[in-house]
Amino acid sequence: MEREIEIAASIQRAILPATLPAVNGILLAAGNRPTRQVGGDFYDVYPLPDGRVAFCVADVSGKGMPAALLVSTVHACIHLLMEGGRRT
């Protein structure tokens, strides 16, 4: 069980952006510290084709493994939607 939690925590850390883009007129800063090893909170930044930037902040209800798995699924879905929008 501890190994599964460690794996889930590393996946959760991997979905958070390593850096934030520079946006004129806005100072961006972000951080995430789960109550347990894994949780259901995440954020991401998506550059848009017209030079704008979309921000996503999510809080999945619950804590622990179920919340971390759900947030990773939500994260993947948002990425697919954003990528699909860039092609049109």
PDB file of N, CA and C in Angstrom:
ATOM      1  N   MET A   1       0.825  -1.199   0.000  1.00  0.00           N
ATOM      2  CA  MET A   1       0.000   0.000   0.000  1.00  0.00           C
ATOM      3  C   MET A   1       0.868   1.261   0.000  1.00  0.00           C
ATOM      4  N   GLU A   2       1.939   1.261   0.809  1.00  0.00           N
ATOM      5  CA  GLU A   2       2.829   2.431   0.846  1.00  0.00           C
ATOM      6  C   GLU A   2       3.480   2.667  -0.510  1.00  0.00           C
ATOM      7  N   ARG A   3       3.854   1.598  -1.184  1.00  0.00           N
ATOM      8  CA  ARG A   3       4.472   1.728  -2.515  1.00  0.00           C
ATOM      9  C   ARG A   3       3.491   2.341  -3.507  1.00  0.00           C
ATOM     10  N   GLU A   4       2.224   1.927  -3.446  1.00  0.00           N
ATOM     11  CA  GLU A   4       1.206   2.490  -4.329  1.00  0.00           C
ATOM     12  C   GLU A   4       1.032   3.985  -4.072  1.00  0.00           C
ATOM     13  N   ILE A   5       1.051   4.382  -2.809  1.00  0.00           N
ATOM     14  CA  ILE A   5       0.911   5.801  -2.461  1.00  0.00           C
ATOM     15  C   ILE A   5       2.109   6.587  -2.971  1.00  0.00           C
ATOM     16  N   GLU A   6       3.309   6.019  -2.859  1.00  0.00           N
ATOM     17  CA  GLU A   6       4.507   6.684  -3.375  1.00  0.00           C
ATOM     18  C   GLU A   6       4.417   6.872  -4.893  1.00  0.00           C
ATOM     19  N   ILE A   7       3.933   5.846  -5.581  1.00  0.00           N
ATOM     20  CA  ILE A   7       3.791   5.932  -7.041  1.00  0.00           C
ATOM     21  C   ILE A   7       2.757   6.991  -7.400  1.00  0.00           C
ATOM     22  N   ALA A   8       1.630   6.983  -6.713  1.00  0.00           N
ATOM     23  CA  ALA A   8       0.586   7.982  -6.972  1.00  0.00           C
ATOM     24  C   ALA A   8       1.106   9.395  -6.701  1.00  0.00           C
ATOM     25  N   ALA A   9       1.888   9.562  -5.640  1.00  0.00           N
ATOM     26  CA  ALA A   9       2.446  10.882  -5.319  1.00  0.00           C
ATOM     27  C   ALA A   9       3.410  11.348  -6.407  1.00  0.00           C
ATOM     28  N   SER A  10       4.223  10.438  -6.950  1.00  0.00           N
ATOM     29  CA  SER A  10       5.157  10.838  -8.005  1.00  0.00           C
ATOM     30  C   SER A  10       4.411  11.189  -9.292  1.00  0.00           C
ATOM     31  N   ILE A  11       3.327  10.480  -9.587  1.00  0.00           N
ATOM     32  CA  ILE A  11       2.512  10.809 -10.760  1.00  0.00           C
ATOM     33  C   ILE A  11       1.874  12.174 -10.562  1.00  0.00           C
ATOM     34  N   GLN A  12       1.363  12.420  -9.364  1.00  0.00           N
ATOM     35  CA  GLN A  12       0.733  13.706  -9.089  1.00  0.00           C
ATOM     36  C   GLN A  12       1.734  14.852  -9.226  1.00  0.00           C
ATOM     37  N   ARG A  13       2.943  14.672  -8.727  1.00  0.00           N
ATOM     38  CA  ARG A  13       3.968  15.710  -8.883  1.00  0.00           C
ATOM     39  C   ARG A  13       4.308  15.934 -10.351  1.00  0.00           C
ATOM     40  N   ALA A  14       4.282  14.866 -11.142  1.00  0.00           N
ATOM     41  CA  ALA A  14       4.644  14.969 -12.553  1.00  0.00           C
ATOM     42  C   ALA A  14       3.614  15.747 -13.372  1.00  0.00           C
ATOM     43  N   ILE A  15       2.349  15.780 -12.935  1.00  0.00           N
ATOM     44  CA  ILE A  15       1.352  16.502 -13.728  1.00  0.00           C
ATOM     45  C   ILE A  15       1.365  17.998 -13.441  1.00  0.00           C
ATOM     46  N   LEU A  16       2.008  18.424 -12.380  1.00  0.00           N
ATOM     47  CA  LEU A  16       2.106  19.859 -12.100  1.00  0.00           C
ATOM     48  C   LEU A  16       3.196  20.465 -12.981  1.00  0.00           C
ATOM     49  N   PRO A  17       2.964  21.668 -13.506  1.00  0.00           N
ATOM     50  CA  PRO A  17       3.977  22.264 -14.384  1.00  0.00           C
ATOM     51  C   PRO A  17       5.278  22.563 -13.631  1.00  0.00           C
ATOM     52  N   ALA A  18       6.403  22.281 -14.277  1.00  0.00           N
ATOM     53  CA  ALA A  18       7.713  22.546 -13.673  1.00  0.00           C
ATOM     54  C   ALA A  18       8.004  24.042 -13.628  1.00  0.00           C
ATOM     55  N   THR A  19       7.508  24.766 -14.624  1.00  0.00           N
ATOM     56  CA  THR A  19       7.682  26.216 -14.686  1.00  0.00           C
ATOM     57  C   THR A  19       6.372  26.840 -15.139  1.00  0.00           C
ATOM     58  N   LEU A  20       6.249  28.121 -14.881  1.00  0.00           N
ATOM     59  CA  LEU A  20       5.077  28.869 -15.326  1.00  0.00           C
ATOM     60  C   LEU A  20       5.516  29.856 -16.395  1.00  0.00           C
ATOM     61  N   PRO A  21       4.661  30.107 -17.374  1.00  0.00           N
ATOM     62  CA  PRO A  21       5.052  31.014 -18.451  1.00  0.00           C
ATOM     63  C   PRO A  21       5.071  32.465 -17.976  1.00  0.00           C
ATOM     64  N   ALA A  22       5.808  33.276 -18.691  1.00  0.00           N
ATOM     65  CA  ALA A  22       5.788  34.719 -18.440  1.00  0.00           C
ATOM     66  C   ALA A  22       4.552  35.296 -19.121  1.00  0.00           C
ATOM     67  N   VAL A  23       3.770  36.045 -18.363  1.00  0.00           N
ATOM     68  CA  VAL A  23       2.565  36.684 -18.893  1.00  0.00           C
ATOM     69  C   VAL A  23       2.675  38.168 -18.575  1.00  0.00           C
ATOM     70  N   ASN A  24       2.643  38.991 -19.622  1.00  0.00           N
ATOM     71  CA  ASN A  24       2.775  40.436 -19.422  1.00  0.00           C
ATOM     72  C   ASN A  24       1.712  40.961 -18.468  1.00  0.00           C
ATOM     73  N   GLY A  25       2.148  41.716 -17.472  1.00  0.00           N
ATOM     74  CA  GLY A  25       1.232  42.349 -16.541  1.00  0.00           C
ATOM     75  C   GLY A  25       0.777  41.484 -15.384  1.00  0.00           C
ATOM     76  N   ILE A  26       1.227  40.231 -15.337  1.00  0.00           N
ATOM     77  CA  ILE A  26       0.817  39.319 -14.260  1.00  0.00           C
ATOM     78  C   ILE A  26       2.047  38.616 -13.702  1.00  0.00           C
ATOM     79  N   LEU A  27       2.168  38.594 -12.390  1.00  0.00           N
ATOM     80  CA  LEU A  27       3.217  37.821 -11.731  1.00  0.00           C
ATOM     81  C   LEU A  27       2.605  36.495 -11.302  1.00  0.00           C
ATOM     82  N   LEU A  28       3.089  35.406 -11.863  1.00  0.00           N
ATOM     83  CA  LEU A  28       2.546  34.079 -11.564  1.00  0.00           C
ATOM     84  C   LEU A  28       3.417  33.343 -10.561  1.00  0.00           C
ATOM     85  N   ALA A  29       2.773  32.698  -9.618  1.00  0.00           N
ATOM     86  CA  ALA A  29       3.459  31.811  -8.679  1.00  0.00           C
ATOM     87  C   ALA A  29       2.462  30.733  -8.284  1.00  0.00           C
ATOM     88  N   ALA A  30       2.941  29.532  -8.067  1.00  0.00           N
ATOM     89  CA  ALA A  30       2.049  28.437  -7.699  1.00  0.00           C
ATOM     90  C   ALA A  30       2.807  27.411  -6.873  1.00  0.00           C
ATOM     91  N   GLY A  31       2.075  26.680  -6.087  1.00  0.00           N
ATOM     92  CA  GLY A  31       2.657  25.607  -5.293  1.00  0.00           C
ATOM     93  C   GLY A  31       1.574  24.631  -4.888  1.00  0.00           C
ATOM     94  N   ASN A  32       1.971  23.459  -4.476  1.00  0.00           N
ATOM     95  CA  ASN A  32       1.025  22.434  -4.066  1.00  0.00           C
ATOM     96  C   ASN A  32       1.652  21.606  -2.966  1.00  0.00           C
ATOM     97  N   ARG A  33       0.974  21.524  -1.842  1.00  0.00           N
ATOM     98  CA  ARG A  33       1.449  20.688  -0.740  1.00  0.00           C
ATOM     99  C   ARG A  33       0.253  19.913  -0.197  1.00  0.00           C
ATOM    100  N   PRO A  34       0.116  18.633  -0.591  1.00  0.00           N
ATOM    101  CA  PRO A  34      -1.045  17.864  -0.148  1.00  0.00           C
ATOM    102  C   PRO A  34      -1.016  17.599   1.354  1.00  0.00           C
ATOM    103  N   THR A  35      -2.211  17.462   1.936  1.00  0.00           N
ATOM    104  CA  THR A  35      -2.317  17.159   3.360  1.00  0.00           C
ATOM    105  C   THR A  35      -1.688  15.805   3.664  1.00  0.00           C
ATOM    106  N   ARG A  36      -1.964  14.853   2.802  1.00  0.00           N
ATOM    107  CA  ARG A  36      -1.323  13.536   2.890  1.00  0.00           C
ATOM    108  C   ARG A  36      -0.303  13.463   1.768  1.00  0.00           C
ATOM    109  N   GLN A  37       0.202  12.270   1.492  1.00  0.00           N
ATOM    110  CA  GLN A  37       1.165  12.147   0.397  1.00  0.00           C
ATOM    111  C   GLN A  37       0.539  12.454  -0.953  1.00  0.00           C
ATOM    112  N   VAL A  38      -0.731  12.159  -1.115  1.00  0.00           N
ATOM    113  CA  VAL A  38      -1.422  12.432  -2.366  1.00  0.00           C
ATOM    114  C   VAL A  38      -2.776  13.064  -2.062  1.00  0.00           C
ATOM    115  N   GLY A  39      -3.233  13.879  -2.991  1.00  0.00           N
ATOM    116  CA  GLY A  39      -4.517  14.544  -2.812  1.00  0.00           C
ATOM    117  C   GLY A  39      -5.142  14.838  -4.152  1.00  0.00           C
ATOM    118  N   GLY A  40      -6.168  15.674  -4.131  1.00  0.00           N
ATOM    119  CA  GLY A  40      -6.920  15.923  -5.339  1.00  0.00           C
ATOM    120  C   GLY A  40      -6.803  17.335  -5.888  1.00  0.00           C
ATOM    121  N   ASP A  41      -5.768  18.056  -5.532  1.00  0.00           N
ATOM    122  CA  ASP A  41      -5.601  19.425  -6.016  1.00  0.00           C
ATOM    123  C   ASP A  41      -4.562  19.465  -7.137  1.00  0.00           C
ATOM    124  N   PHE A  42      -4.830  20.318  -8.129  1.00  0.00           N
ATOM    125  CA  PHE A  42      -3.797  20.539  -9.140  1.00  0.00           C
ATOM    126  C   PHE A  42      -4.055  21.852  -9.857  1.00  0.00           C
ATOM    127  N   TYR A  43      -3.047  22.288 -10.581  1.00  0.00           N
ATOM    128  CA  TYR A  43      -3.146  23.499 -11.392  1.00  0.00           C
ATOM    129  C   TYR A  43      -2.340  23.268 -12.659  1.00  0.00           C
ATOM    130  N   ASP A  44      -2.667  24.031 -13.689  1.00  0.00           N
ATOM    131  CA  ASP A  44      -1.894  23.951 -14.922  1.00  0.00           C
ATOM    132  C   ASP A  44      -2.093  25.233 -15.712  1.00  0.00           C
ATOM    133  N   VAL A  45      -1.224  25.448 -16.663  1.00  0.00           N
ATOM    134  CA  VAL A  45      -1.241  26.631 -17.512  1.00  0.00           C
ATOM    135  C   VAL A  45      -1.146  26.150 -18.953  1.00  0.00           C
ATOM    136  N   TYR A  46      -2.007  26.718 -19.814  1.00  0.00           N
ATOM    137  CA  TYR A  46      -2.065  26.282 -21.198  1.00  0.00           C
ATOM    138  C   TYR A  46      -1.895  27.486 -22.123  1.00  0.00           C
ATOM    139  N   PRO A  47      -0.808  27.562 -22.888  1.00  0.00           N
ATOM    140  CA  PRO A  47      -0.677  28.638 -23.875  1.00  0.00           C
ATOM    141  C   PRO A  47      -1.705  28.428 -24.989  1.00  0.00           C
ATOM    142  N   LEU A  48      -2.346  29.498 -25.405  1.00  0.00           N
ATOM    143  CA  LEU A  48      -3.342  29.434 -26.470  1.00  0.00           C
ATOM    144  C   LEU A  48      -2.729  29.956 -27.768  1.00  0.00           C
ATOM    145  N   PRO A  49      -3.260  29.528 -28.909  1.00  0.00           N
ATOM    146  CA  PRO A  49      -2.658  29.908 -30.195  1.00  0.00           C
ATOM    147  C   PRO A  49      -2.585  31.416 -30.430  1.00  0.00           C
ATOM    148  N   ASP A  50      -3.519  32.174 -29.859  1.00  0.00           N
ATOM    149  CA  ASP A  50      -3.545  33.616 -30.103  1.00  0.00           C
ATOM    150  C   ASP A  50      -2.676  34.403 -29.137  1.00  0.00           C
ATOM    151  N   GLY A  51      -1.848  33.703 -28.359  1.00  0.00           N
ATOM    152  CA  GLY A  51      -0.941  34.377 -27.433  1.00  0.00           C
ATOM    153  C   GLY A  51      -1.492  34.519 -26.020  1.00  0.00           C
ATOM    154  N   ARG A  52      -2.778  34.238 -25.840  1.00  0.00           N
ATOM    155  CA  ARG A  52      -3.344  34.273 -24.489  1.00  0.00           C
ATOM    156  C   ARG A  52      -2.928  33.018 -23.735  1.00  0.00           C
ATOM    157  N   VAL A  53      -3.215  32.988 -22.433  1.00  0.00           N
ATOM    158  CA  VAL A  53      -2.873  31.850 -21.589  1.00  0.00           C
ATOM    159  C   VAL A  53      -4.112  31.461 -20.792  1.00  0.00           C
ATOM    160  N   ALA A  54      -4.424  30.168 -20.757  1.00  0.00           N
ATOM    161  CA  ALA A  54      -5.536  29.651 -19.957  1.00  0.00           C
ATOM    162  C   ALA A  54      -4.966  29.043 -18.682  1.00  0.00           C
ATOM    163  N   PHE A  55      -5.645  29.296 -17.577  1.00  0.00           N
ATOM    164  CA  PHE A  55      -5.237  28.747 -16.283  1.00  0.00           C
ATOM    165  C   PHE A  55      -6.300  27.775 -15.804  1.00  0.00           C
ATOM    166  N   CYS A  56      -5.876  26.707 -15.184  1.00  0.00           N
ATOM    167  CA  CYS A  56      -6.803  25.745 -14.598  1.00  0.00           C
ATOM    168  C   CYS A  56      -6.369  25.488 -13.164  1.00  0.00           C
ATOM    169  N   VAL A  57      -7.312  25.626 -12.244  1.00  0.00           N
ATOM    170  CA  VAL A  57      -7.087  25.282 -10.844  1.00  0.00           C
ATOM    171  C   VAL A  57      -8.204  24.327 -10.468  1.00  0.00           C
ATOM    172  N   ALA A  58      -7.852  23.140  -9.971  1.00  0.00           N
ATOM    173  CA  ALA A  58      -8.862  22.127  -9.680  1.00  0.00           C
ATOM    174  C   ALA A  58      -8.681  21.574  -8.273  1.00  0.00           C
ATOM    175  N   ASP A  59      -9.790  21.257  -7.667  1.00  0.00           N
ATOM    176  CA  ASP A  59      -9.806  20.629  -6.341  1.00  0.00           C
ATOM    177  C   ASP A  59     -10.819  19.502  -6.385  1.00  0.00           C
ATOM    178  N   VAL A  60     -10.319  18.289  -6.530  1.00  0.00           N
ATOM    179  CA  VAL A  60     -11.179  17.116  -6.546  1.00  0.00           C
ATOM    180  C   VAL A  60     -11.550  16.802  -5.101  1.00  0.00           C
ATOM    181  N   SER A  61     -12.808  16.528  -4.866  1.00  0.00           N
ATOM    182  CA  SER A  61     -13.284  16.222  -3.517  1.00  0.00           C
ATOM    183  C   SER A  61     -12.594  14.970  -2.987  1.00  0.00           C
ATOM    184  N   GLY A  62     -12.166  15.023  -1.751  1.00  0.00           N
ATOM    185  CA  GLY A  62     -11.542  13.872  -1.115  1.00  0.00           C
ATOM    186  C   GLY A  62     -10.037  14.008  -1.017  1.00  0.00           C
ATOM    187  N   LYS A  63      -9.432  13.009  -0.444  1.00  0.00           N
ATOM    188  CA  LYS A  63      -7.982  12.960  -0.261  1.00  0.00           C
ATOM    189  C   LYS A  63      -7.493  11.565  -0.602  1.00  0.00           C
ATOM    190  N   GLY A  64      -6.192  11.421  -0.626  1.00  0.00           N
ATOM    191  CA  GLY A  64      -5.591  10.112  -0.805  1.00  0.00           C
ATOM    192  C   GLY A  64      -5.650   9.599  -2.225  1.00  0.00           C
ATOM    193  N   MET A  65      -5.517   8.291  -2.350  1.00  0.00           N
ATOM    194  CA  MET A  65      -5.405   7.626  -3.641  1.00  0.00           C
ATOM    195  C   MET A  65      -6.598   7.881  -4.568  1.00  0.00           C
ATOM    196  N   PRO A  66      -7.854   7.743  -4.122  1.00  0.00           N
ATOM    197  CA  PRO A  66      -8.968   7.977  -5.046  1.00  0.00           C
ATOM    198  C   PRO A  66      -8.953   9.387  -5.642  1.00  0.00           C
ATOM    199  N   ALA A  67      -8.680  10.395  -4.827  1.00  0.00           N
ATOM    200  CA  ALA A  67      -8.641  11.771  -5.327  1.00  0.00           C
ATOM    201  C   ALA A  67      -7.486  11.964  -6.300  1.00  0.00           C
ATOM    202  N   ALA A  68      -6.328  11.399  -5.999  1.00  0.00           N
ATOM    203  CA  ALA A  68      -5.169  11.533  -6.888  1.00  0.00           C
ATOM    204  C   ALA A  68      -5.429  10.873  -8.237  1.00  0.00           C
ATOM    205  N   LEU A  69      -6.062   9.717  -8.236  1.00  0.00           N
ATOM    206  CA  LEU A  69      -6.363   9.036  -9.496  1.00  0.00           C
ATOM    207  C   LEU A  69      -7.386   9.821 -10.315  1.00  0.00           C
ATOM    208  N   LEU A  70      -8.377  10.375  -9.645  1.00  0.00           N
ATOM    209  CA  LEU A  70      -9.374  11.164 -10.363  1.00  0.00           C
ATOM    210  C   LEU A  70      -8.766  12.428 -10.943  1.00  0.00           C
ATOM    211  N   VAL A  71      -7.920  13.115 -10.181  1.00  0.00           N
ATOM    212  CA  VAL A  71      -7.317  14.347 -10.686  1.00  0.00           C
ATOM    213  C   VAL A  71      -6.373  14.049 -11.856  1.00  0.00           C
ATOM    214  N   SER A  72      -5.712  12.919 -11.867  1.00  0.00           N
ATOM    215  CA  SER A  72      -4.848  12.597 -13.006  1.00  0.00           C
ATOM    216  C   SER A  72      -5.690  12.339 -14.256  1.00  0.00           C
ATOM    217  N   THR A  73      -6.872  11.766 -14.105  1.00  0.00           N
ATOM    218  CA  THR A  73      -7.773  11.556 -15.231  1.00  0.00           C
ATOM    219  C   THR A  73      -8.310  12.891 -15.744  1.00  0.00           C
ATOM    220  N   VAL A  74      -8.719  13.762 -14.822  1.00  0.00           N
ATOM    221  CA  VAL A  74      -9.212  15.089 -15.206  1.00  0.00           C
ATOM    222  C   VAL A  74      -8.111  15.864 -15.933  1.00  0.00           C
ATOM    223  N   HIS A  75      -6.901  15.801 -15.412  1.00  0.00           N
ATOM    224  CA  HIS A  75      -5.759  16.477 -16.026  1.00  0.00           C
ATOM    225  C   HIS A  75      -5.553  16.000 -17.462  1.00  0.00           C
ATOM    226  N   ALA A  76      -5.594  14.687 -17.670  1.00  0.00           N
ATOM    227  CA  ALA A  76      -5.410  14.132 -19.020  1.00  0.00           C
ATOM    228  C   ALA A  76      -6.526  14.587 -19.955  1.00  0.00           C
ATOM    229  N   CYS A  77      -7.757  14.615 -19.469  1.00  0.00           N
ATOM    230  CA  CYS A  77      -8.883  15.050 -20.303  1.00  0.00           C
ATOM    231  C   CYS A  77      -8.740  16.517 -20.696  1.00  0.00           C
ATOM    232  N   ILE A  78      -8.349  17.364 -19.755  1.00  0.00           N
ATOM    233  CA  ILE A  78      -8.175  18.785 -20.057  1.00  0.00           C
ATOM    234  C   ILE A  78      -7.078  18.967 -21.099  1.00  0.00           C
ATOM    235  N   HIS A  79      -5.982  18.230 -20.951  1.00  0.00           N
ATOM    236  CA  HIS A  79      -4.898  18.324 -21.945  1.00  0.00           C
ATOM    237  C   HIS A  79      -5.392  17.925 -23.330  1.00  0.00           C
ATOM    238  N   LEU A  80      -6.179  16.858 -23.409  1.00  0.00           N
ATOM    239  CA  LEU A  80      -6.708  16.445 -24.710  1.00  0.00           C
ATOM    240  C   LEU A  80      -7.623  17.518 -25.294  1.00  0.00           C
ATOM    241  N   LEU A  81      -8.479  18.099 -24.477  1.00  0.00           N
ATOM    242  CA  LEU A  81      -9.361  19.157 -24.964  1.00  0.00           C
ATOM    243  C   LEU A  81      -8.567  20.383 -25.430  1.00  0.00           C
ATOM    244  N   MET A  82      -7.549  20.759 -24.663  1.00  0.00           N
ATOM    245  CA  MET A  82      -6.739  21.921 -25.042  1.00  0.00           C
ATOM    246  C   MET A  82      -5.970  21.659 -26.326  1.00  0.00           C
ATOM    247  N   GLU A  83      -5.416  20.459 -26.465  1.00  0.00           N
ATOM    248  CA  GLU A  83      -4.687  20.111 -27.689  1.00  0.00           C
ATOM    249  C   GLU A  83      -5.627  20.101 -28.883  1.00  0.00           C
ATOM    250  N   GLY A  84      -6.830  19.590 -28.710  1.00  0.00           N
ATOM    251  CA  GLY A  84      -7.811  19.566 -29.784  1.00  0.00           C
ATOM    252  C   GLY A  84      -8.204  20.966 -30.207  1.00  0.00           C
ATOM    253  N   GLY A  85      -8.306  21.880 -29.260  1.00  0.00           N
ATOM    254  CA  GLY A  85      -8.642  23.260 -29.549  1.00  0.00           C
ATOM    255  C   GLY A  85      -7.551  24.002 -30.290  1.00  0.00           C
ATOM    256  N   ARG A  86      -6.318  23.591 -30.126  1.00  0.00           N
ATOM    257  CA  ARG A  86      -5.186  24.245 -30.808  1.00  0.00           C
ATOM    258  C   ARG A  86      -5.184  23.931 -32.289  1.00  0.00           C
ATOM    259  N   ARG A  87      -5.762  22.809 -32.682  1.00  0.00           N
ATOM    260  CA  ARG A  87      -5.738  22.399 -34.089  1.00  0.00           C
ATOM    261  C   ARG A  87      -6.804  23.095 -34.922  1.00  0.00           C
ATOM    262  N   THR A  88      -7.807  23.671 -34.257  1.00  0.00           N
ATOM    263  CA  THR A  88      -8.914  24.269 -35.014  1.00  0.00           C
ATOM    264  C   THR A  88      -8.744  25.749 -35.195  1.00  0.00           C
TER     265      THR A  88
END
